């Protein structure tokens, strides 16, 4: 739901427009939460969240979902960490088994952590196998409730990532996966269609992806 009239100024505008009394926004917010209604604050969020709910099933609702971030850029992982904290979620702490799997595909000089900076492992093993192994490992971790993946799409006809495997992992573990795409403008629409046809929500803006993840993982 996108509810206008949240502020005092907006409420006055609503009264002048509809001649109806504006509700106390805090009371309304509490009522919507009890009813399980996801409240958004902008038209772009309304479309993002509605489309993503149509594509992907809700995860197990938790008050503070634990998110694994898979990124090709250390800086991008840090930015997403801030966005995750800002929406009352947290970075997942991986169990020992997950860390062991990641160590096997990472260079010796790099200790895996969350956010998972995949670029050094891409250099060692190639992006396809690296991403397959990492996604399976983190999605299977009992301490992970949802996954946010950053995918860079170069100007190549052959996909770097296995979209069928990504969809299979989501079905197997029942945890939301949202993808932020960055890269070649000509290839992006095709990749987006490939992912969304498999039930994986996609965004072209990093912060909007975290908002979608919050809706799927928290139902809010």
Protein backbone atom coordinates (compact mmCIF):
# COMPACT_ATOMS: atom_id res chain seq x y z
CA UNK A 1 0.00 0.00 0.00
CA UNK A 2 1.10 3.53 -0.83
CA UNK A 3 -0.76 5.83 1.57
CA UNK A 4 -0.76 9.56 0.92
CA UNK A 5 -1.05 12.10 3.73
CA UNK A 6 1.70 10.77 6.00
CA UNK A 7 2.92 14.21 7.07
CA UNK A 8 0.95 17.11 8.55
CA UNK A 9 1.30 18.97 5.26
CA UNK A 10 0.14 15.94 3.30
CA UNK A 11 -2.79 15.41 5.66
CA UNK A 12 -3.95 19.00 5.16
CA UNK A 13 -3.68 18.54 1.41
CA UNK A 14 -5.73 15.33 1.64
CA UNK A 15 -8.47 17.12 3.59
CA UNK A 16 -8.66 19.91 1.05
CA UNK A 17 -8.74 17.38 -1.80
CA UNK A 18 -11.25 14.85 -0.49
CA UNK A 19 -12.95 16.69 2.41
CA UNK A 20 -12.24 13.56 4.45
CA UNK A 21 -10.50 13.32 7.80
CA UNK A 22 -6.89 12.11 7.62
CA UNK A 23 -5.99 9.23 9.92
CA UNK A 24 -3.26 9.35 12.54
CA UNK A 25 -0.40 7.90 10.52
CA UNK A 26 1.12 6.01 13.44
CA UNK A 27 -2.17 4.25 14.14
CA UNK A 28 -2.59 3.42 10.47
CA UNK A 29 0.97 2.10 10.26
CA UNK A 30 0.37 -0.22 13.21
CA UNK A 31 -2.90 -1.47 11.76
CA UNK A 32 -1.28 -2.22 8.42
CA UNK A 33 1.52 -4.17 10.11
CA UNK A 34 -0.98 -6.26 12.08
CA UNK A 35 -2.89 -6.98 8.88
CA UNK A 36 0.28 -8.07 7.07
CA UNK A 37 0.12 -5.22 4.55
CA UNK A 38 3.44 -4.12 3.09
CA UNK A 39 3.59 -0.32 3.21
CA UNK A 40 5.74 1.60 0.73
CA UNK A 41 6.70 5.26 0.65
CA UNK A 42 7.07 5.99 -3.07
CA UNK A 43 5.45 5.08 -6.37
CA UNK A 44 8.65 3.39 -7.56
CA UNK A 45 8.60 1.16 -4.44
CA UNK A 46 4.97 0.29 -5.09
CA UNK A 47 5.79 -1.06 -8.54
CA UNK A 48 9.06 -2.71 -7.44
CA UNK A 49 7.52 -4.56 -4.51
CA UNK A 50 4.32 -5.59 -6.29
CA UNK A 51 6.22 -6.94 -9.29
CA UNK A 52 8.68 -8.81 -7.10
CA UNK A 53 5.96 -10.39 -4.97
CA UNK A 54 4.34 -11.63 -8.17
CA UNK A 55 7.65 -13.18 -9.26
CA UNK A 56 9.07 -14.58 -6.06
CA UNK A 57 7.51 -16.27 -3.02
CA UNK A 58 7.86 -14.68 0.38
CA UNK A 59 10.60 -16.08 2.55
CA UNK A 60 10.18 -17.05 6.19
CA UNK A 61 9.28 -13.78 7.89
CA UNK A 62 11.74 -12.63 10.52
CA UNK A 63 11.95 -9.34 12.45
CA UNK A 64 15.59 -8.88 11.35
CA UNK A 65 16.34 -11.08 8.32
CA UNK A 66 19.95 -12.21 7.88
CA UNK A 67 21.18 -11.42 4.38
CA UNK A 68 24.12 -12.79 2.38
CA UNK A 69 25.54 -10.32 -0.15
CA UNK A 70 27.38 -11.67 -3.20
CA UNK A 71 29.22 -8.95 -5.07
CA UNK A 72 31.88 -8.35 -7.71
CA UNK A 73 32.96 -5.18 -5.91
CA UNK A 74 34.07 -4.78 -2.32
CA UNK A 75 32.79 -1.21 -2.30
CA UNK A 76 29.41 -2.29 -3.62
CA UNK A 77 29.15 -4.80 -0.80
CA UNK A 78 29.79 -2.09 1.78
CA UNK A 79 27.13 0.19 0.28
CA UNK A 80 24.60 -2.65 0.32
CA UNK A 81 25.52 -3.40 3.94
CA UNK A 82 24.55 0.15 4.87
CA UNK A 83 21.27 -0.16 2.96
CA UNK A 84 20.53 -3.49 4.66
CA UNK A 85 21.10 -2.01 8.12
CA UNK A 86 18.97 1.00 7.22
CA UNK A 87 15.99 -1.29 6.56
CA UNK A 88 16.39 -3.18 9.87
CA UNK A 89 18.00 -6.26 8.40
CA UNK A 90 21.49 -7.59 9.15
CA UNK A 91 24.39 -9.32 7.46
CA UNK A 92 24.35 -13.08 8.00
CA UNK A 93 27.16 -14.74 9.94
CA UNK A 94 28.19 -17.83 7.96
CA UNK A 95 28.59 -21.17 9.68
CA UNK A 96 31.94 -22.99 9.60
CA UNK A 97 30.88 -25.32 6.77
CA UNK A 98 30.00 -22.39 4.49
CA UNK A 99 33.32 -20.69 5.20
CA UNK A 100 35.14 -23.94 4.42
CA UNK A 101 33.42 -24.25 1.01
CA UNK A 102 34.25 -20.65 0.16
CA UNK A 103 37.88 -21.02 1.23
CA UNK A 104 38.28 -23.83 -1.29
CA UNK A 105 37.43 -21.53 -4.22
CA UNK A 106 39.08 -18.33 -2.95
CA UNK A 107 42.77 -17.45 -3.29
CA UNK A 108 44.87 -18.39 -0.27
CA UNK A 109 45.48 -14.74 0.62
CA UNK A 110 41.76 -13.92 0.97
CA UNK A 111 39.56 -14.89 3.91
CA UNK A 112 35.89 -15.22 2.85
CA UNK A 113 33.42 -12.99 4.68
CA UNK A 114 29.98 -11.46 4.23
CA UNK A 115 29.63 -9.45 1.98
CA UNK A 116 31.32 -12.00 -0.29
CA UNK A 117 33.65 -10.22 -2.72
CA UNK A 118 33.72 -12.74 -5.56
CA UNK A 119 36.14 -11.02 -7.93
CA UNK A 120 39.34 -12.75 -6.66
CA UNK A 121 37.58 -16.13 -6.90
CA UNK A 122 36.37 -15.25 -10.42
CA UNK A 123 40.00 -14.78 -11.39
CA UNK A 124 40.91 -18.18 -9.95
CA UNK A 125 37.96 -20.34 -11.07
CA UNK A 126 35.93 -18.32 -13.58
CA UNK A 127 32.62 -16.60 -12.82
CA UNK A 128 30.24 -19.45 -13.69
CA UNK A 129 31.55 -22.10 -11.28
CA UNK A 130 32.46 -19.55 -8.63
CA UNK A 131 28.94 -18.14 -8.52
CA UNK A 132 27.29 -21.59 -8.62
CA UNK A 133 29.36 -22.84 -5.69
CA UNK A 134 28.98 -19.67 -3.65
CA UNK A 135 25.23 -19.31 -4.13
CA UNK A 136 24.60 -22.94 -3.20
CA UNK A 137 26.79 -22.61 -0.11
CA UNK A 138 25.26 -19.41 1.28
CA UNK A 139 21.66 -20.30 0.39
CA UNK A 140 22.09 -23.62 2.19
CA UNK A 141 23.47 -21.95 5.31
CA UNK A 142 20.87 -22.08 8.14
CA UNK A 143 22.03 -18.63 9.26
CA UNK A 144 21.03 -17.03 5.94
CA UNK A 145 17.45 -15.92 5.30
CA UNK A 146 17.88 -14.14 1.96
CA UNK A 147 20.51 -13.46 -0.71
CA UNK A 148 21.32 -10.21 -2.52
CA UNK A 149 23.49 -10.76 -5.61
CA UNK A 150 25.33 -8.09 -7.61
CA UNK A 151 25.89 -9.28 -11.19
CA UNK A 152 28.04 -7.50 -13.74
CA UNK A 153 26.98 -8.20 -17.33
CA UNK A 154 29.72 -7.70 -19.97
CA UNK A 155 29.01 -7.26 -23.70
CA UNK A 156 29.13 -11.01 -24.40
CA UNK A 157 26.49 -13.21 -26.02
CA UNK A 158 27.34 -16.21 -23.84
CA UNK A 159 25.99 -15.78 -20.27
CA UNK A 160 28.55 -15.73 -17.47
CA UNK A 161 26.05 -17.08 -14.95
CA UNK A 162 23.83 -20.16 -14.83
CA UNK A 163 20.30 -18.77 -14.50
CA UNK A 164 18.68 -22.21 -14.32
CA UNK A 165 20.91 -23.11 -11.39
CA UNK A 166 20.02 -19.85 -9.63
CA UNK A 167 16.31 -20.64 -9.94
CA UNK A 168 16.88 -24.21 -8.75
CA UNK A 169 18.69 -22.98 -5.63
CA UNK A 170 15.78 -20.65 -4.79
CA UNK A 171 13.29 -23.52 -5.14
CA UNK A 172 15.47 -25.90 -3.15
CA UNK A 173 16.08 -23.64 -0.15
CA UNK A 174 12.98 -21.42 -0.29
CA UNK A 175 14.94 -18.26 0.39
CA UNK A 176 14.45 -15.01 -1.54
CA UNK A 177 17.11 -14.04 -4.08
CA UNK A 178 17.19 -10.54 -5.54
CA UNK A 179 19.64 -9.46 -8.25
CA UNK A 180 21.09 -6.02 -8.93
CA UNK A 181 22.32 -5.82 -12.53
CA UNK A 182 25.07 -3.56 -13.79
CA UNK A 183 26.90 -3.64 -17.09
CA UNK A 184 26.34 -3.56 -20.83
CA UNK A 185 23.16 -1.62 -21.62
CA UNK A 186 22.42 -3.68 -24.74
CA UNK A 187 22.56 -6.99 -22.84
CA UNK A 188 20.73 -5.92 -19.68
CA UNK A 189 17.12 -6.30 -20.95
CA UNK A 190 17.78 -9.88 -22.12
CA UNK A 191 19.43 -10.84 -18.83
CA UNK A 192 16.61 -9.27 -16.86
CA UNK A 193 14.06 -11.24 -18.86
CA UNK A 194 16.06 -14.45 -18.39
CA UNK A 195 16.09 -14.00 -14.62
CA UNK A 196 12.55 -12.75 -14.11
CA UNK A 197 11.13 -15.53 -16.28
CA UNK A 198 12.67 -17.86 -13.70
CA UNK A 199 11.07 -16.04 -10.76
CA UNK A 200 14.10 -13.98 -9.70
CA UNK A 201 13.41 -10.25 -9.10
CA UNK A 202 15.85 -7.86 -10.76
CA UNK A 203 16.67 -4.19 -10.22
CA UNK A 204 19.01 -1.73 -11.89
CA UNK A 205 19.48 0.33 -8.72
CA UNK A 206 21.32 -1.02 -5.70
CA UNK A 207 19.21 0.49 -2.91
CA UNK A 208 15.94 -0.49 -4.61
CA UNK A 209 17.10 -4.10 -4.58
CA UNK A 210 17.51 -4.03 -0.81
CA UNK A 211 14.00 -2.59 -0.45
CA UNK A 212 12.62 -5.46 -2.54
CA UNK A 213 14.54 -7.94 -0.38
CA UNK A 214 13.04 -6.44 2.77
CA UNK A 215 9.54 -6.92 1.37
CA UNK A 216 10.25 -10.55 0.50
CA UNK A 217 12.10 -11.43 3.71
CA UNK A 218 10.15 -9.37 6.25
CA UNK A 219 6.81 -8.82 4.56
CA UNK A 220 7.16 -5.09 5.23
